[in-house]
Amino acid sequence: MSPLFVTLEDETGFVNFILWPQVVENFRVLMRTESFLGVSGQLQSKDNVVHIVVKSLWRPRLDCRPPKTKSRDFR
């Protein structure tokens, strides 16, 4: 099985995540069920290209939650 490559972009540039098959297998459920993930791994940078070789994924603990609002139905 080949590694999984994921690229994220924001206003500061790109970062590439490399997930080896064993990491994908270990965190498969978390990857498929969470909408917000933390990533830990080894940072590699060369010629302004940044890679993170992912070692683990985790669910961030956030102190604040979005406010609950009622459904807005437009008819």
N, C-alpha and C. Protein backbone atom coordinates (compact mmCIF):
# COMPACT_ATOMS: atom_id res chain seq x y z
N MET A 1 0.85 -1.19 0.00
CA MET A 1 0.00 0.00 0.00
C MET A 1 0.89 1.24 0.00
N SER A 2 0.52 2.22 -0.78
CA SER A 2 1.28 3.47 -0.90
C SER A 2 0.91 4.43 0.23
N PRO A 3 1.78 5.39 0.51
CA PRO A 3 1.44 6.39 1.52
C PRO A 3 0.30 7.29 1.03
N LEU A 4 -0.40 7.88 1.98
CA LEU A 4 -1.47 8.83 1.70
C LEU A 4 -0.87 10.23 1.80
N PHE A 5 -1.08 11.06 0.79
CA PHE A 5 -0.58 12.42 0.78
C PHE A 5 -1.76 13.38 0.89
N VAL A 6 -1.66 14.33 1.81
CA VAL A 6 -2.70 15.33 2.02
C VAL A 6 -2.03 16.70 1.99
N THR A 7 -2.59 17.64 1.23
CA THR A 7 -2.05 18.99 1.16
C THR A 7 -3.08 19.97 1.70
N LEU A 8 -2.65 20.82 2.63
CA LEU A 8 -3.49 21.89 3.15
C LEU A 8 -2.89 23.23 2.74
N GLU A 9 -3.77 24.20 2.49
CA GLU A 9 -3.33 25.52 2.07
C GLU A 9 -4.06 26.58 2.88
N ASP A 10 -3.31 27.62 3.27
CA ASP A 10 -3.94 28.82 3.83
C ASP A 10 -3.21 30.03 3.26
N GLU A 11 -3.45 31.21 3.83
CA GLU A 11 -2.86 32.42 3.27
C GLU A 11 -1.34 32.47 3.39
N THR A 12 -0.75 31.60 4.21
CA THR A 12 0.70 31.60 4.38
C THR A 12 1.40 30.59 3.47
N GLY A 13 0.65 29.69 2.85
CA GLY A 13 1.26 28.73 1.95
C GLY A 13 0.68 27.33 2.10
N PHE A 14 1.49 26.35 1.73
CA PHE A 14 1.07 24.95 1.71
C PHE A 14 1.81 24.17 2.78
N VAL A 15 1.19 23.09 3.24
CA VAL A 15 1.88 22.09 4.05
C VAL A 15 1.38 20.73 3.57
N ASN A 16 2.30 19.81 3.42
CA ASN A 16 1.98 18.47 2.94
C ASN A 16 2.10 17.48 4.09
N PHE A 17 1.08 16.65 4.25
CA PHE A 17 1.11 15.59 5.26
C PHE A 17 1.34 14.26 4.54
N ILE A 18 2.24 13.48 5.06
CA ILE A 18 2.51 12.14 4.53
C ILE A 18 2.10 11.14 5.60
N LEU A 19 1.16 10.27 5.27
CA LEU A 19 0.69 9.25 6.21
C LEU A 19 1.04 7.87 5.64
N TRP A 20 1.93 7.15 6.32
CA TRP A 20 2.31 5.82 5.90
C TRP A 20 1.16 4.85 6.20
N PRO A 21 1.07 3.74 5.48
CA PRO A 21 -0.06 2.81 5.62
C PRO A 21 -0.37 2.41 7.07
N GLN A 22 0.64 2.17 7.89
CA GLN A 22 0.38 1.76 9.27
C GLN A 22 -0.30 2.86 10.06
N VAL A 23 0.06 4.12 9.80
CA VAL A 23 -0.58 5.25 10.48
C VAL A 23 -2.04 5.36 10.04
N VAL A 24 -2.28 5.21 8.73
CA VAL A 24 -3.66 5.25 8.22
C VAL A 24 -4.49 4.16 8.88
N GLU A 25 -3.94 2.97 8.98
CA GLU A 25 -4.67 1.85 9.59
C GLU A 25 -4.94 2.11 11.07
N ASN A 26 -3.94 2.61 11.79
CA ASN A 26 -4.09 2.86 13.23
C ASN A 26 -5.13 3.92 13.55
N PHE A 27 -5.29 4.90 12.66
CA PHE A 27 -6.17 6.03 12.94
C PHE A 27 -7.33 6.13 11.95
N ARG A 28 -7.65 5.03 11.30
CA ARG A 28 -8.69 5.02 10.26
C ARG A 28 -10.04 5.54 10.77
N VAL A 29 -10.49 5.05 11.91
CA VAL A 29 -11.80 5.46 12.44
C VAL A 29 -11.79 6.95 12.76
N LEU A 30 -10.77 7.42 13.41
CA LEU A 30 -10.66 8.85 13.75
C LEU A 30 -10.66 9.70 12.49
N MET A 31 -9.91 9.29 11.48
CA MET A 31 -9.84 10.05 10.23
C MET A 31 -11.19 10.15 9.54
N ARG A 32 -12.01 9.12 9.67
CA ARG A 32 -13.29 9.09 8.96
C ARG A 32 -14.45 9.69 9.75
N THR A 33 -14.26 9.90 11.05
CA THR A 33 -15.38 10.36 11.86
C THR A 33 -15.23 11.77 12.42
N GLU A 34 -14.03 12.29 12.49
CA GLU A 34 -13.82 13.61 13.07
C GLU A 34 -13.72 14.67 11.97
N SER A 35 -14.28 15.84 12.23
CA SER A 35 -14.19 16.93 11.26
C SER A 35 -13.02 17.86 11.55
N PHE A 36 -12.38 17.69 12.71
CA PHE A 36 -11.26 18.55 13.11
C PHE A 36 -10.23 17.66 13.79
N LEU A 37 -9.01 17.60 13.26
CA LEU A 37 -8.01 16.69 13.78
C LEU A 37 -6.71 17.42 14.13
N GLY A 38 -6.04 16.93 15.16
CA GLY A 38 -4.68 17.35 15.46
C GLY A 38 -3.73 16.35 14.83
N VAL A 39 -2.54 16.83 14.47
CA VAL A 39 -1.55 16.00 13.82
C VAL A 39 -0.22 16.15 14.54
N SER A 40 0.43 15.04 14.82
CA SER A 40 1.78 15.06 15.38
C SER A 40 2.69 14.26 14.46
N GLY A 41 3.90 14.77 14.28
CA GLY A 41 4.83 14.06 13.41
C GLY A 41 6.14 14.79 13.29
N GLN A 42 6.90 14.40 12.30
CA GLN A 42 8.23 14.97 12.07
C GLN A 42 8.15 16.00 10.95
N LEU A 43 8.63 17.21 11.23
CA LEU A 43 8.63 18.29 10.25
C LEU A 43 9.85 18.18 9.36
N GLN A 44 9.63 18.29 8.06
CA GLN A 44 10.72 18.30 7.09
C GLN A 44 10.53 19.51 6.19
N SER A 45 11.59 20.28 5.98
CA SER A 45 11.50 21.47 5.15
C SER A 45 12.75 21.57 4.29
N LYS A 46 12.53 21.79 2.99
CA LYS A 46 13.65 21.97 2.07
C LYS A 46 13.18 22.81 0.89
N ASP A 47 13.92 23.83 0.56
CA ASP A 47 13.60 24.70 -0.59
C ASP A 47 12.17 25.24 -0.51
N ASN A 48 11.76 25.70 0.68
CA ASN A 48 10.43 26.28 0.92
C ASN A 48 9.28 25.30 0.71
N VAL A 49 9.57 24.01 0.74
CA VAL A 49 8.53 22.98 0.69
C VAL A 49 8.50 22.32 2.06
N VAL A 50 7.32 22.30 2.69
CA VAL A 50 7.18 21.77 4.04
C VAL A 50 6.37 20.48 3.99
N HIS A 51 6.90 19.46 4.66
CA HIS A 51 6.22 18.18 4.81
C HIS A 51 6.15 17.85 6.29
N ILE A 52 5.08 17.20 6.69
CA ILE A 52 5.00 16.60 8.01
C ILE A 52 4.74 15.11 7.81
N VAL A 53 5.68 14.30 8.27
CA VAL A 53 5.50 12.85 8.24
C VAL A 53 4.71 12.51 9.50
N VAL A 54 3.45 12.15 9.33
CA VAL A 54 2.51 12.00 10.43
C VAL A 54 2.82 10.73 11.23
N LYS A 55 2.91 10.91 12.55
CA LYS A 55 3.10 9.78 13.47
C LYS A 55 1.79 9.42 14.17
N SER A 56 0.97 10.45 14.47
CA SER A 56 -0.31 10.19 15.14
C SER A 56 -1.31 11.30 14.83
N LEU A 57 -2.57 10.95 14.96
CA LEU A 57 -3.69 11.88 14.83
C LEU A 57 -4.44 11.87 16.15
N TRP A 58 -5.05 13.01 16.49
CA TRP A 58 -5.75 13.10 17.77
C TRP A 58 -6.87 14.12 17.67
N ARG A 59 -7.81 13.99 18.59
CA ARG A 59 -8.96 14.89 18.67
C ARG A 59 -8.60 16.05 19.60
N PRO A 60 -8.53 17.28 19.09
CA PRO A 60 -8.21 18.43 19.94
C PRO A 60 -9.30 18.67 20.97
N ARG A 61 -8.89 19.08 22.15
CA ARG A 61 -9.84 19.46 23.20
C ARG A 61 -9.98 20.97 23.16
N LEU A 62 -11.17 21.43 22.85
CA LEU A 62 -11.43 22.86 22.74
C LEU A 62 -12.25 23.32 23.92
N ASP A 63 -11.85 24.44 24.50
CA ASP A 63 -12.58 24.99 25.64
C ASP A 63 -13.87 25.68 25.21
N CYS A 64 -13.87 26.24 24.03
CA CYS A 64 -15.07 26.95 23.60
C CYS A 64 -15.77 26.16 22.50
N ARG A 65 -17.03 26.21 22.50
CA ARG A 65 -17.85 25.54 21.49
C ARG A 65 -18.64 26.61 20.74
N PRO A 66 -19.00 26.33 19.51
CA PRO A 66 -19.84 27.30 18.80
C PRO A 66 -21.19 27.44 19.50
N PRO A 67 -21.76 28.63 19.48
CA PRO A 67 -23.05 28.82 20.15
C PRO A 67 -24.13 27.99 19.48
N LYS A 68 -25.05 27.47 20.30
CA LYS A 68 -26.17 26.72 19.76
C LYS A 68 -27.21 27.70 19.26
N THR A 69 -27.70 27.47 18.08
CA THR A 69 -28.72 28.33 17.51
C THR A 69 -29.86 27.49 16.98
N LYS A 70 -31.01 28.10 16.86
CA LYS A 70 -32.16 27.41 16.30
C LYS A 70 -32.02 27.34 14.78
N SER A 71 -32.66 26.37 14.20
CA SER A 71 -32.67 26.21 12.76
C SER A 71 -33.33 27.43 12.12
N ARG A 72 -32.77 27.89 11.01
CA ARG A 72 -33.37 29.00 10.27
C ARG A 72 -33.89 28.43 8.95
N ASP A 73 -35.19 28.32 8.84
CA ASP A 73 -35.81 27.78 7.64
C ASP A 73 -36.31 28.92 6.77
N PHE A 74 -35.80 29.01 5.56
CA PHE A 74 -36.23 30.05 4.64
C PHE A 74 -37.20 29.45 3.65
N ARG A 75 -38.43 30.00 3.63
CA ARG A 75 -39.47 29.49 2.72
C ARG A 75 -40.00 30.58 1.85
